C-alpha atoms as a PDB file:
ATOM      1  CA  MET A   1      94.402  70.920 108.459  1.00  0.00           C
ATOM      2  CA  PHE A   2      92.905  73.290 110.991  1.00  0.00           C
ATOM      3  CA  SER A   3      94.383  73.510 114.443  1.00  0.00           C
ATOM      4  CA  PRO A   4      93.281  75.874 117.208  1.00  0.00           C
ATOM      5  CA  LYS A   5      97.006  76.450 117.884  1.00  0.00           C
ATOM      6  CA  MET A   6      97.096  78.477 114.660  1.00  0.00           C
ATOM      7  CA  PHE A   7      94.919  81.138 116.215  1.00  0.00           C
ATOM      8  CA  SER A   8      94.990  83.352 119.269  1.00  0.00           C
ATOM      9  CA  PRO A   9      93.929  81.371 122.376  1.00  0.00           C
ATOM     10  CA  LYS A  10      91.495  84.180 123.274  1.00  0.00           C
ATOM     11  CA  MET A  11      89.710  83.578 120.000  1.00  0.00           C
ATOM     12  CA  PHE A  12      88.574  80.119 120.994  1.00  0.00           C
ATOM     13  CA  ASN A  13      86.512  81.001 124.011  1.00  0.00           C
ATOM     14  CA  THR A  14      83.619  80.303 121.680  1.00  0.00           C
ATOM     15  CA  ASP A  15      79.949  79.922 122.289  1.00  0.00           C
ATOM     16  CA  ASP A  16      79.098  76.705 120.453  1.00  0.00           C
ATOM     17  CA  GLN A  17      75.579  76.804 119.125  1.00  0.00           C
ATOM     18  CA  GLN A  18      73.137  73.891 119.219  1.00  0.00           C
ATOM     19  CA  ASP A  19      73.380  73.531 115.454  1.00  0.00           C
ATOM     20  CA  GLY A  20      77.163  73.046 115.670  1.00  0.00           C
ATOM     21  CA  ALA A  21      77.975  76.557 114.517  1.00  0.00           C
ATOM     22  CA  ILE A  22      80.574  78.677 116.260  1.00  0.00           C
ATOM     23  CA  LYS A  23      79.910  82.154 117.576  1.00  0.00           C
ATOM     24  CA  LEU A  24      82.951  84.192 118.555  1.00  0.00           C
ATOM     25  CA  PRO A  25      82.741  86.102 121.834  1.00  0.00           C
ATOM     26  CA  LYS A  26      82.473  89.798 121.085  1.00  0.00           C
ATOM     27  CA  ASP A  27      84.504  91.014 124.063  1.00  0.00           C
ATOM     28  CA  ASN A  28      87.993  90.428 122.562  1.00  0.00           C
ATOM     29  CA  LEU A  29      87.328  90.880 118.870  1.00  0.00           C
ATOM     30  CA  ASP A  30      88.549  94.467 118.778  1.00  0.00           C
ATOM     31  CA  LEU A  31      91.996  93.194 119.818  1.00  0.00           C
ATOM     32  CA  ILE A  32      92.009  89.947 117.851  1.00  0.00           C
ATOM     33  CA  LEU A  33      90.243  90.565 114.549  1.00  0.00           C
ATOM     34  CA  TYR A  34      90.149  94.343 114.333  1.00  0.00           C
ATOM     35  CA  ASN A  35      93.338  95.643 115.935  1.00  0.00           C
ATOM     36  CA  GLY A  36      94.422  98.806 114.169  1.00  0.00           C
ATOM     37  CA  CYS A  37      90.917  99.615 112.919  1.00  0.00           C
ATOM     38  CA  ASP A  38      88.862 102.721 113.655  1.00  0.00           C
ATOM     39  CA  THR A  39      86.606 102.286 116.704  1.00  0.00           C
ATOM     40  CA  LYS A  40      83.385 103.021 114.792  1.00  0.00           C
ATOM     41  CA  ASP A  41      84.334 100.508 112.098  1.00  0.00           C
ATOM     42  CA  VAL A  42      85.045  97.894 114.773  1.00  0.00           C
ATOM     43  CA  GLU A  43      81.718  98.475 116.489  1.00  0.00           C
ATOM     44  CA  ARG A  44      79.850  98.060 113.210  1.00  0.00           C
ATOM     45  CA  ALA A  45      81.855  94.995 112.163  1.00  0.00           C
ATOM     46  CA  VAL A  46      81.242  93.274 115.498  1.00  0.00           C
ATOM     47  CA  GLU A  47      77.515  94.064 115.211  1.00  0.00           C
ATOM     48  CA  LEU A  48      77.407  92.306 111.844  1.00  0.00           C
ATOM     49  CA  LEU A  49      79.181  89.117 112.940  1.00  0.00           C
ATOM     50  CA  GLY A  50      77.084  85.990 113.086  1.00  0.00           C
ATOM     51  CA  THR A  51      77.876  82.338 113.515  1.00  0.00           C
ATOM     52  CA  PHE A  52      79.916  80.127 111.215  1.00  0.00           C
ATOM     53  CA  PRO A  53      79.903  76.358 110.733  1.00  0.00           C
ATOM     54  CA  SER A  54      82.659  74.351 112.399  1.00  0.00           C
ATOM     55  CA  GLY A  55      82.715  71.636 109.706  1.00  0.00           C
ATOM     56  CA  PRO A  56      84.971  73.416 107.196  1.00  0.00           C
ATOM     57  CA  LEU A  57      87.590  73.868 109.920  1.00  0.00           C
ATOM     58  CA  SER A  58      87.977  70.122 110.407  1.00  0.00           C
ATOM     59  CA  VAL A  59      87.614  68.664 106.907  1.00  0.00           C
ATOM     60  CA  PRO A  60      90.820  67.782 105.031  1.00  0.00           C
ATOM     61  CA  VAL A  61      91.475  69.889 101.960  1.00  0.00           C
ATOM     62  CA  THR A  62      91.115  67.891  98.741  1.00  0.00           C
ATOM     63  CA  TYR A  63      91.567  70.691  96.212  1.00  0.00           C
ATOM     64  CA  THR A  64      93.753  73.769  96.301  1.00  0.00           C
ATOM     65  CA  ALA A  65      92.660  76.298  93.703  1.00  0.00           C
ATOM     66  CA  TYR A  66      95.700  78.496  94.293  1.00  0.00           C
ATOM     67  CA  ARG A  67      97.799  75.916  92.443  1.00  0.00           C
ATOM     68  CA  GLU A  68      95.815  76.632  89.272  1.00  0.00           C
ATOM     69  CA  ILE A  69      94.642  80.211  89.748  1.00  0.00           C
ATOM     70  CA  PRO A  70      97.176  83.008  90.295  1.00  0.00           C
ATOM     71  CA  SER A  71      96.930  83.955  93.962  1.00  0.00           C
ATOM     72  CA  THR A  72      98.290  86.567  96.320  1.00  0.00           C
ATOM     73  CA  TYR A  73      98.836  86.023 100.034  1.00  0.00           C
ATOM     74  CA  ILE A  74      98.728  89.167 102.153  1.00  0.00           C
ATOM     75  CA  VAL A  75     100.915  88.771 105.221  1.00  0.00           C
ATOM     76  CA  CYS A  76      99.561  90.810 108.100  1.00  0.00           C
ATOM     77  CA  LYS A  77     102.488  91.232 110.472  1.00  0.00           C
ATOM     78  CA  ASN A  78     100.324  92.329 113.396  1.00  0.00           C
ATOM     79  CA  ASP A  79      97.598  89.719 112.963  1.00  0.00           C
ATOM     80  CA  MET A  80      96.502  88.626 116.425  1.00  0.00           C
ATOM     81  CA  ALA A  81      94.107  85.987 115.083  1.00  0.00           C
ATOM     82  CA  LEU A  82      96.386  84.106 112.686  1.00  0.00           C
ATOM     83  CA  ARG A  83      99.908  84.399 113.983  1.00  0.00           C
ATOM     84  CA  LEU A  84     102.804  85.280 111.695  1.00  0.00           C
ATOM     85  CA  PRO A  85     104.592  81.877 111.887  1.00  0.00           C
ATOM     86  CA  PHE A  86     101.434  80.161 110.654  1.00  0.00           C
ATOM     87  CA  GLN A  87     100.988  82.674 107.864  1.00  0.00           C
ATOM     88  CA  ARG A  88     104.573  81.975 106.772  1.00  0.00           C
ATOM     89  CA  ARG A  89     103.925  78.240 106.974  1.00  0.00           C
ATOM     90  CA  MET A  90     100.867  78.497 104.739  1.00  0.00           C
ATOM     91  CA  ILE A  91     102.906  80.441 102.198  1.00  0.00           C
ATOM     92  CA  ALA A  92     105.642  77.793 102.316  1.00  0.00           C
ATOM     93  CA  GLN A  93     103.089  75.024 101.848  1.00  0.00           C
ATOM     94  CA  GLY A  94     102.052  76.775  98.642  1.00  0.00           C
ATOM     95  CA  GLU A  95     105.490  75.872  97.253  1.00  0.00           C
ATOM     96  CA  GLY A  96     105.934  79.119  95.355  1.00  0.00           C
ATOM     97  CA  CYS A  97     102.335  79.463  94.143  1.00  0.00           C
ATOM     98  CA  PHE A  98     101.700  82.782  95.877  1.00  0.00           C
ATOM     99  CA  GLU A  99     102.668  86.316  95.129  1.00  0.00           C
ATOM    100  CA  VAL A 100     103.269  87.728  98.596  1.00  0.00           C
ATOM    101  CA  GLU A 101     102.366  91.205  99.804  1.00  0.00           C
ATOM    102  CA  GLU A 102     103.198  92.310 103.356  1.00  0.00           C
ATOM    103  CA  CYS A 103     101.737  94.942 105.619  1.00  0.00           C
ATOM    104  CA  ASP A 104     101.932  95.995 109.243  1.00  0.00           C
ATOM    105  CA  GLU A 105      98.181  95.615 109.668  1.00  0.00           C
ATOM    106  CA  GLY A 106      96.182  93.273 111.875  1.00  0.00           C
ATOM    107  CA  HIS A 107      93.733  90.583 110.734  1.00  0.00           C
ATOM    108  CA  SER A 108      91.442  92.972 108.863  1.00  0.00           C
ATOM    109  CA  PRO A 109      93.593  95.104 106.538  1.00  0.00           C
ATOM    110  CA  TRP A 110      90.621  95.806 104.264  1.00  0.00           C
ATOM    111  CA  LEU A 111      89.138  97.732 107.192  1.00  0.00           C
ATOM    112  CA  SER A 112      92.270  99.305 108.691  1.00  0.00           C
ATOM    113  CA  ASN A 113      94.062 100.126 105.410  1.00  0.00           C
ATOM    114  CA  PRO A 114      91.734  99.752 102.416  1.00  0.00           C
ATOM    115  CA  GLN A 115      94.104 101.636 100.086  1.00  0.00           C
ATOM    116  CA  PHE A 116      96.758  98.972 100.657  1.00  0.00           C
ATOM    117  CA  ILE A 117      94.250  96.267  99.711  1.00  0.00           C
ATOM    118  CA  VAL A 118      93.206  98.201  96.612  1.00  0.00           C
ATOM    119  CA  GLY A 119      96.873  98.334  95.588  1.00  0.00           C
ATOM    120  CA  CYS A 120      97.244  94.581  96.146  1.00  0.00           C
ATOM    121  CA  VAL A 121      94.195  93.850  94.008  1.00  0.00           C
ATOM    122  CA  ARG A 122      95.394  96.161  91.258  1.00  0.00           C
ATOM    123  CA  ARG A 123      98.840  94.534  91.229  1.00  0.00           C
ATOM    124  CA  ALA A 124      97.254  91.081  91.217  1.00  0.00           C
ATOM    125  CA  ALA A 125      95.222  92.196  88.183  1.00  0.00           C
ATOM    126  CA  GLY A 126      98.432  93.137  86.398  1.00  0.00           C
ATOM    127  CA  GLU A 127      98.528  96.870  86.893  1.00  0.00           C
ATOM    128  CA  LYS A 128     101.836  98.573  87.600  1.00  0.00           C
ATOM    129  CA  VAL A 129     101.031 100.592  90.717  1.00  0.00           C
END
């Protein structure tokens, strides 16, 4: 289940909305979610961020699709949002269900290293790349 301890403490200086949604403060996101990304990409990504509901973060999981559908976990060694020990723990909780790919990227490897992500997707689809 979700725990704020899984994430960077700076990430949870949130602005809770009246409807119960969470809005992340934009002042630290370049370091937390987008470390390693190009400045222009970060600016655009932060512009596009909205709110997200808090409910899914607190509801117990009742179904885990990765146990039935082949899945790949991409470990981001420099993730400042979801720390490495928690990534490793999630992989371990999968009890061998995941193929694991690793990179030296931060939380947003699709933005900082899209070619790596393309390779992961191609391998997950069965290509020999």
